[in-house]
Amino acid sequence: MLNLRRSIFITFISTNISTIIQFGVTVILSRLLTPSEVGIFSVTAVLISIISVFRDFGVSSYLQQERNLTPEKARSAFGLLLTTSWLLAGFTYFSRGYIASYYNQPGIAEILTVLCISFTLVPFAAYFFAILNRNLQAGKQAYVNVFSSIAYAITCITLANLGFSYMALAWANVANISVCILIYLFIRPKEFSFVPKFSGWMVPIKFGSGAIAGNLLTNINLAIPDLVLGKISDMHSVGLYSRANGLVGIFQQVAGPTITYNTIPFLSKNHHDNVPLAPILSKATSYLTGVAWPAFIVTVIFAEEIIRFLYGAQWIAAAPIAGLIALQTMVRFGYSLNQSALLAIGRPYLSVFPSGASILARIGIVIAFGANDLMTFAIALCVADIATVVVPAFLMSKYMGFTLRHSIGAHWPSILLGFGCIVVTLLLKLIIPANWSDLLKLILVAVVLIPTWFTLMISIRHPLCQELPSILHKFFPVSFANKLINYINPAH
């Protein structure tokens, strides 16, 4: 547990430095690129994410959860990863023209040409990322995260300023991966080499064939907004939805890498040791919703101010879309560990069910709503995502013991916390003068809501309070931290 806490802390700090860098890039690019330019890259990126499922073939997850991973097994997995990646790089390169013509966007072919370079490089980075992740070596991974993000930012902003348009994003991706590999050369575990082995693939293939279906459907589900909007509407709408989705995803960018980096190896170890997972998942769910829901609430209520301040007036049409995406994300967030947990317990094939149900519901409701405009399309996706949350809830109950009782118990403290935050945020929305600048409004919201959240957390004894001692001891001298802890919670 001590190693896990340390890994979580280091991962949180390093990934958030990277997130701040990338967020700064997004804010700058929002003033250099139009929604249509962002939309063209967004469609291409989601197409690549779908192809990447076959590239990875579940190898990264296999390396993290394999109980007895030897250097020979790792080399075999790397050989499989390298082969699938390079074959798909060739496939993508030769099919790029057909994909571009389907959307009538020549720029897609240009982006795919550059991203094929990334495809040939990614297996080297993915291999050692999985090895470091397995061993919870977050300190080493922190160097990779930070320096690769800096390389991405410098490349992206420089090329965008030089007029490279959406191609700046493509070349920045190549720079990011190249720096990752360069650092991994120096920090990799010495017993694991870059020499692949082209035999002994049966075990990783068996695991990967189970993981690939779930990962594929997950990526298709995430790609629906871009791929469908790009066809039924235009790249401008794709750009607006992508920016709204990116805004809501800020919290997931902040917490997501920390969660995914540690979830699979930690749950996998406990599963192999026959430790019940339900209490672990209950605590994690309370933590996630307790921190995330207030952020989503602010996003729903102050979406327009946030969009206009961060990205500029040309993106203001994305504000109501961001509110809908935040709402559906709130409902599903308590079950966001489902896929990682299924991988950890060796049942990756079960992840096809929540993703498959979501895809069918999204497409079905989009058709039923006759969604041919951005707003109706966003409402249809919101309804579909809320309706299908029962599927991951059922899987976590059946295979991990995270029953309805556990779920209610895990969510209830965050419901109370969220309700208090809703009341305070709505009051702020009503009383703050409309003629105030967006920056001033958002500063006031933060100044009021952060202490409100903290006070509510202490008052209702939210499970997050259990982490206060370890957090305070990291930032304050022991004697002072203990006084704070006793003042906040005398019963501690």
Foldseek 3Di string as FASTA:
>chain_A
DVLLVVLLVLLLVLLVLLLVLVLVLVLVVLVLAALLLLLLVLLLVLVVLLLVLQLQLCLLLCLQQPPDDALQNLLQSLLSNQVSLLVSLVVQLVCQVVVCVLLVHVVSNVLSPLCSLVSNLVSLLSSQLSVCLSVSVNVLVSVLSNVLSVQLSVQLVVVSVVPPRSVSNSVSSVSSSVSSNVSCVPPGDPSHDSNHDNDPCPVSNVLSVLQSLLSSLQSVLVSCLSVVCSNLPNSSLSSLLVVLLVVLCSVCSSNVSSCLSHPQSVLLVCVVVVHACQVVLLLVLLVQLLPNLLVLLLLLLLVQLVCCVRNNPSNSVSSNLSNLSSLLCSLQVSLVCLQSNCSSNSRSNLSNVLSVQLVVQLVVQCVVQVDSDSVSSSNSSSVSSNVSSVSSQVVCCPPRVNHPVSSCSSCVLSVQLSVQSNVVSVVLSVPPDPPDHSVVSVVVSCVPRVVSSVVSCLVSVRSVLVCQLVVLVVPDPNVVSVVVNCVSPVVD
